Amino acid sequence: MPTPSAPGRATAASRPLPAGRFVTRADDGRVLVMRVGETRELRTRDALAPEPTVDGNAIEVIGIDNVQAGSGRGWELRAVRPGRSRIAVAGAEPFAVTIEVSPVR
């Protein structure tokens, strides 16, 4: 039986990781890092998924119209200001990620 993490210890899901080109269900529960001005693509295989919900104002979510038919839905994630946003995708394959946005160096 696995042992719970010690209090205050970071887990793999909570350690910030650089956001890849695509943010997908495989990133569920992760904390990802972007810099102001960067963009990534949020994708789900569920073509009927509703618009994602965003808690926080560090990320803007913009619909993408040119996702290939039958390949699901996609949105651009645009890092607009330092801070933290949680993005949740609902539908047949729900997932959520947190993105920490740092200032441009």
C-alpha atoms as a PDB file:
ATOM      1  CA  MET A   1       0.000   0.000   0.000  1.00  0.00           C
ATOM      2  CA  PRO A   2       1.495   3.413  -0.949  1.00  0.00           C
ATOM      3  CA  THR A   3       2.487   5.766   1.826  1.00  0.00           C
ATOM      4  CA  PRO A   4       0.967   9.256   1.666  1.00  0.00           C
ATOM      5  CA  SER A   5       3.380  12.117   1.001  1.00  0.00           C
ATOM      6  CA  ALA A   6       4.813  13.822   4.037  1.00  0.00           C
ATOM      7  CA  PRO A   7       3.113  17.132   4.854  1.00  0.00           C
ATOM      8  CA  GLY A   8       4.640  20.015   2.947  1.00  0.00           C
ATOM      9  CA  ARG A   9       6.485  17.752   0.514  1.00  0.00           C
ATOM     10  CA  ALA A  10       5.904  18.432  -3.185  1.00  0.00           C
ATOM     11  CA  THR A  11       4.470  15.588  -5.235  1.00  0.00           C
ATOM     12  CA  ALA A  12       5.125  14.980  -8.927  1.00  0.00           C
ATOM     13  CA  ALA A  13       1.746  16.532  -9.726  1.00  0.00           C
ATOM     14  CA  SER A  14       2.448  19.677  -7.706  1.00  0.00           C
ATOM     15  CA  ARG A  15       6.012  20.441  -8.862  1.00  0.00           C
ATOM     16  CA  PRO A  16       5.801  23.063 -11.611  1.00  0.00           C
ATOM     17  CA  LEU A  17       6.841  21.754 -15.038  1.00  0.00           C
ATOM     18  CA  PRO A  18       7.405  23.734 -18.227  1.00  0.00           C
ATOM     19  CA  ALA A  19       4.241  23.651 -20.337  1.00  0.00           C
ATOM     20  CA  GLY A  20       4.683  21.627 -23.509  1.00  0.00           C
ATOM     21  CA  ARG A  21       3.402  22.736 -26.912  1.00  0.00           C
ATOM     22  CA  PHE A  22       0.082  21.002 -26.190  1.00  0.00           C
ATOM     23  CA  VAL A  23      -1.770  20.802 -22.863  1.00  0.00           C
ATOM     24  CA  THR A  24      -3.944  17.666 -22.759  1.00  0.00           C
ATOM     25  CA  ARG A  25      -5.634  15.215 -20.434  1.00  0.00           C
ATOM     26  CA  ALA A  26      -2.191  13.683 -19.857  1.00  0.00           C
ATOM     27  CA  ASP A  27      -1.391  16.871 -17.892  1.00  0.00           C
ATOM     28  CA  ASP A  28      -4.388  16.436 -15.541  1.00  0.00           C
ATOM     29  CA  GLY A  29      -3.603  17.721 -12.049  1.00  0.00           C
ATOM     30  CA  ARG A  30      -0.222  19.171 -12.989  1.00  0.00           C
ATOM     31  CA  VAL A  31       1.139  22.637 -12.346  1.00  0.00           C
ATOM     32  CA  LEU A  32       2.665  24.004 -15.548  1.00  0.00           C
ATOM     33  CA  VAL A  33       4.830  27.078 -16.049  1.00  0.00           C
ATOM     34  CA  MET A  34       4.673  29.683 -18.814  1.00  0.00           C
ATOM     35  CA  ARG A  35       6.066  33.204 -19.249  1.00  0.00           C
ATOM     36  CA  VAL A  36       4.090  36.313 -20.148  1.00  0.00           C
ATOM     37  CA  GLY A  37       3.685  36.435 -23.929  1.00  0.00           C
ATOM     38  CA  GLU A  38       3.928  32.678 -24.476  1.00  0.00           C
ATOM     39  CA  THR A  39       1.137  30.599 -26.027  1.00  0.00           C
ATOM     40  CA  ARG A  40       0.273  26.916 -25.899  1.00  0.00           C
ATOM     41  CA  GLU A  41      -2.613  24.848 -27.245  1.00  0.00           C
ATOM     42  CA  LEU A  42      -5.167  23.228 -24.950  1.00  0.00           C
ATOM     43  CA  ARG A  43      -6.647  20.106 -26.587  1.00  0.00           C
ATOM     44  CA  THR A  44      -9.344  17.568 -25.853  1.00  0.00           C
ATOM     45  CA  ARG A  45     -10.415  14.622 -28.011  1.00  0.00           C
ATOM     46  CA  ASP A  46     -14.042  15.356 -27.096  1.00  0.00           C
ATOM     47  CA  ALA A  47     -15.469  17.313 -30.054  1.00  0.00           C
ATOM     48  CA  LEU A  48     -18.533  18.222 -27.966  1.00  0.00           C
ATOM     49  CA  ALA A  49     -16.662  19.527 -24.915  1.00  0.00           C
ATOM     50  CA  PRO A  50     -17.931  22.899 -23.660  1.00  0.00           C
ATOM     51  CA  GLU A  51     -15.668  25.931 -23.345  1.00  0.00           C
ATOM     52  CA  PRO A  52     -13.092  25.455 -20.570  1.00  0.00           C
ATOM     53  CA  THR A  53     -13.520  27.329 -17.317  1.00  0.00           C
ATOM     54  CA  VAL A  54     -10.724  29.551 -16.022  1.00  0.00           C
ATOM     55  CA  ASP A  55     -10.126  30.545 -12.410  1.00  0.00           C
ATOM     56  CA  GLY A  56      -7.572  33.374 -12.292  1.00  0.00           C
ATOM     57  CA  ASN A  57      -6.509  36.075 -14.729  1.00  0.00           C
ATOM     58  CA  ALA A  58      -2.979  35.050 -15.771  1.00  0.00           C
ATOM     59  CA  ILE A  59      -4.190  33.059 -18.805  1.00  0.00           C
ATOM     60  CA  GLU A  60      -6.611  33.979 -21.592  1.00  0.00           C
ATOM     61  CA  VAL A  61      -8.352  31.119 -23.396  1.00  0.00           C
ATOM     62  CA  ILE A  62      -9.127  31.708 -27.077  1.00  0.00           C
ATOM     63  CA  GLY A  63     -11.106  29.280 -29.258  1.00  0.00           C
ATOM     64  CA  ILE A  64      -9.368  27.717 -32.260  1.00  0.00           C
ATOM     65  CA  ASP A  65     -11.539  27.190 -35.322  1.00  0.00           C
ATOM     66  CA  ASN A  66      -9.088  25.239 -37.462  1.00  0.00           C
ATOM     67  CA  VAL A  67      -8.899  21.986 -35.492  1.00  0.00           C
ATOM     68  CA  GLN A  68      -9.376  19.095 -37.941  1.00  0.00           C
ATOM     69  CA  ALA A  69     -12.845  17.548 -38.090  1.00  0.00           C
ATOM     70  CA  GLY A  70     -13.141  14.545 -35.800  1.00  0.00           C
ATOM     71  CA  SER A  71     -10.014  15.425 -33.853  1.00  0.00           C
ATOM     72  CA  GLY A  72     -11.714  17.098 -30.882  1.00  0.00           C
ATOM     73  CA  ARG A  73     -11.517  20.722 -29.790  1.00  0.00           C
ATOM     74  CA  GLY A  74      -8.702  23.154 -29.171  1.00  0.00           C
ATOM     75  CA  TRP A  75      -8.047  26.514 -27.546  1.00  0.00           C
ATOM     76  CA  GLU A  76      -5.064  28.818 -27.429  1.00  0.00           C
ATOM     77  CA  LEU A  77      -3.721  29.491 -23.948  1.00  0.00           C
ATOM     78  CA  ARG A  78      -2.141  32.950 -23.851  1.00  0.00           C
ATOM     79  CA  ALA A  79      -0.058  33.989 -20.829  1.00  0.00           C
ATOM     80  CA  VAL A  80      -1.059  37.631 -20.326  1.00  0.00           C
ATOM     81  CA  ARG A  81       0.182  38.559 -16.833  1.00  0.00           C
ATOM     82  CA  PRO A  82       2.133  37.063 -13.931  1.00  0.00           C
ATOM     83  CA  GLY A  83       0.014  34.934 -11.628  1.00  0.00           C
ATOM     84  CA  ARG A  84      -1.775  31.623 -11.532  1.00  0.00           C
ATOM     85  CA  SER A  85      -4.799  30.276 -13.411  1.00  0.00           C
ATOM     86  CA  ARG A  86      -6.597  26.951 -13.135  1.00  0.00           C
ATOM     87  CA  ILE A  87      -8.127  25.723 -16.395  1.00  0.00           C
ATOM     88  CA  ALA A  88     -10.761  22.977 -16.316  1.00  0.00           C
ATOM     89  CA  VAL A  89     -12.067  21.079 -19.341  1.00  0.00           C
ATOM     90  CA  ALA A  90     -15.422  19.302 -18.962  1.00  0.00           C
ATOM     91  CA  GLY A  91     -17.061  16.728 -21.211  1.00  0.00           C
ATOM     92  CA  ALA A  92     -16.343  13.067 -21.909  1.00  0.00           C
ATOM     93  CA  GLU A  93     -12.690  13.395 -20.841  1.00  0.00           C
ATOM     94  CA  PRO A  94     -12.563  16.022 -18.074  1.00  0.00           C
ATOM     95  CA  PHE A  95      -9.251  17.325 -16.773  1.00  0.00           C
ATOM     96  CA  ALA A  96      -7.768  20.372 -15.090  1.00  0.00           C
ATOM     97  CA  VAL A  97      -4.361  22.015 -14.975  1.00  0.00           C
ATOM     98  CA  THR A  98      -2.904  24.952 -13.098  1.00  0.00           C
ATOM     99  CA  ILE A  99      -0.605  27.327 -14.954  1.00  0.00           C
ATOM    100  CA  GLU A 100       1.824  29.611 -13.172  1.00  0.00           C
ATOM    101  CA  VAL A 101       2.811  32.579 -15.335  1.00  0.00           C
ATOM    102  CA  SER A 102       6.081  34.320 -14.621  1.00  0.00           C
ATOM    103  CA  PRO A 103       7.169  37.729 -15.922  1.00  0.00           C
ATOM    104  CA  VAL A 104       9.365  38.036 -19.004  1.00  0.00           C
ATOM    105  CA  ARG A 105      13.031  38.121 -18.011  1.00  0.00           C
END
